[in-house]
Amino acid sequence: MNAEYPTTTDAGISGQVDETRPDLSNANVREDLALTGRCALVHLPSGRTCLLPLRHPGPCDFHGPAEAADVVSASQ
């Protein structure tokens, strides 16, 4: 896990799971991007992240960390 890009929630500790995003407990989903409504699936070998909307049709469209950081900062 990369501390710079949090990917898991404390659901394991509290026992609560977000019903709208049960995938947040997966290490291959960037939590910060997922909370903005994005797919946020991380391609683990490359570290690139899908920036398409949640439950998008078709395959993921992976982008580099700088583009993902721009999306997160724009949503705040």
Protein backbone atom coordinates (compact mmCIF):
# COMPACT_ATOMS: atom_id res chain seq x y z
CA MET A 1 0.00 0.00 0.00
CA ASN A 2 1.21 3.47 -0.84
CA ALA A 3 0.56 5.92 2.00
CA GLU A 4 0.52 8.81 -0.46
CA TYR A 5 -2.52 7.32 -2.22
CA PRO A 6 -4.87 5.84 0.39
CA THR A 7 -6.75 2.86 -1.00
CA THR A 8 -8.53 1.27 1.92
CA THR A 9 -11.00 2.38 4.52
CA ASP A 10 -11.31 1.53 8.18
CA ALA A 11 -14.26 -0.76 7.37
CA GLY A 12 -12.33 -3.71 8.71
CA ILE A 13 -11.93 -1.95 12.05
CA SER A 14 -15.39 -0.48 12.46
CA GLY A 15 -17.26 -3.24 10.63
CA GLN A 16 -19.10 -0.70 8.47
CA VAL A 17 -18.97 -0.82 4.69
CA ASP A 18 -20.12 1.96 2.39
CA GLU A 19 -23.14 0.43 0.63
CA THR A 20 -22.63 2.59 -2.47
CA ARG A 21 -18.93 1.72 -2.82
CA PRO A 22 -18.23 -1.70 -1.30
CA ASP A 23 -15.08 -1.81 -3.44
CA LEU A 24 -13.41 0.79 -1.21
CA SER A 25 -12.11 -2.05 0.93
CA ASN A 26 -10.06 -3.32 -2.04
CA ALA A 27 -6.41 -2.32 -2.18
CA ASN A 28 -6.66 -1.76 -5.95
CA VAL A 29 -9.12 1.15 -5.64
CA ARG A 30 -7.91 4.66 -4.80
CA GLU A 31 -10.24 5.90 -2.09
CA ASP A 32 -9.63 9.60 -2.74
CA LEU A 33 -10.68 9.24 -6.38
CA ALA A 34 -13.52 6.84 -5.63
CA LEU A 35 -15.07 9.41 -3.31
CA THR A 36 -15.23 11.85 -6.25
CA GLY A 37 -17.44 9.41 -8.19
CA ARG A 38 -14.70 7.94 -10.36
CA CYS A 39 -14.01 4.27 -11.09
CA ALA A 40 -10.62 4.66 -9.35
CA LEU A 41 -9.42 1.15 -10.23
CA VAL A 42 -5.62 1.02 -10.08
CA HIS A 43 -3.65 -1.04 -12.60
CA LEU A 44 -1.24 -2.47 -10.05
CA PRO A 45 1.74 -3.23 -12.36
CA SER A 46 1.85 0.33 -13.72
CA GLY A 47 0.27 2.34 -10.89
CA ARG A 48 -2.05 4.08 -13.37
CA THR A 49 -5.65 4.81 -12.33
CA CYS A 50 -8.98 4.77 -14.19
CA LEU A 51 -10.55 8.23 -14.16
CA LEU A 52 -13.83 7.27 -15.84
CA PRO A 53 -17.11 7.58 -13.90
CA LEU A 54 -18.15 4.80 -11.54
CA ARG A 55 -19.67 1.74 -13.29
CA HIS A 56 -18.68 3.03 -16.72
CA PRO A 57 -19.38 0.85 -19.76
CA GLY A 58 -16.43 -0.80 -21.45
CA PRO A 59 -12.82 -1.09 -20.35
CA CYS A 60 -11.04 1.22 -17.96
CA ASP A 61 -9.07 4.21 -19.24
CA PHE A 62 -5.93 4.42 -17.09
CA HIS A 63 -4.06 7.68 -16.43
CA GLY A 64 -0.88 8.61 -14.61
CA PRO A 65 -0.66 9.75 -10.99
CA ALA A 66 -0.35 13.44 -11.91
CA GLU A 67 -3.65 13.41 -13.82
CA ALA A 68 -5.35 11.56 -10.96
CA ALA A 69 -4.03 14.11 -8.46
CA ASP A 70 -5.45 16.92 -10.62
CA VAL A 71 -8.90 15.30 -10.51
CA VAL A 72 -8.78 14.96 -6.73
CA SER A 73 -7.63 18.54 -6.18
CA ALA A 74 -10.28 19.89 -8.58
CA SER A 75 -13.02 18.16 -6.62
CA GLN A 76 -11.99 19.69 -3.28
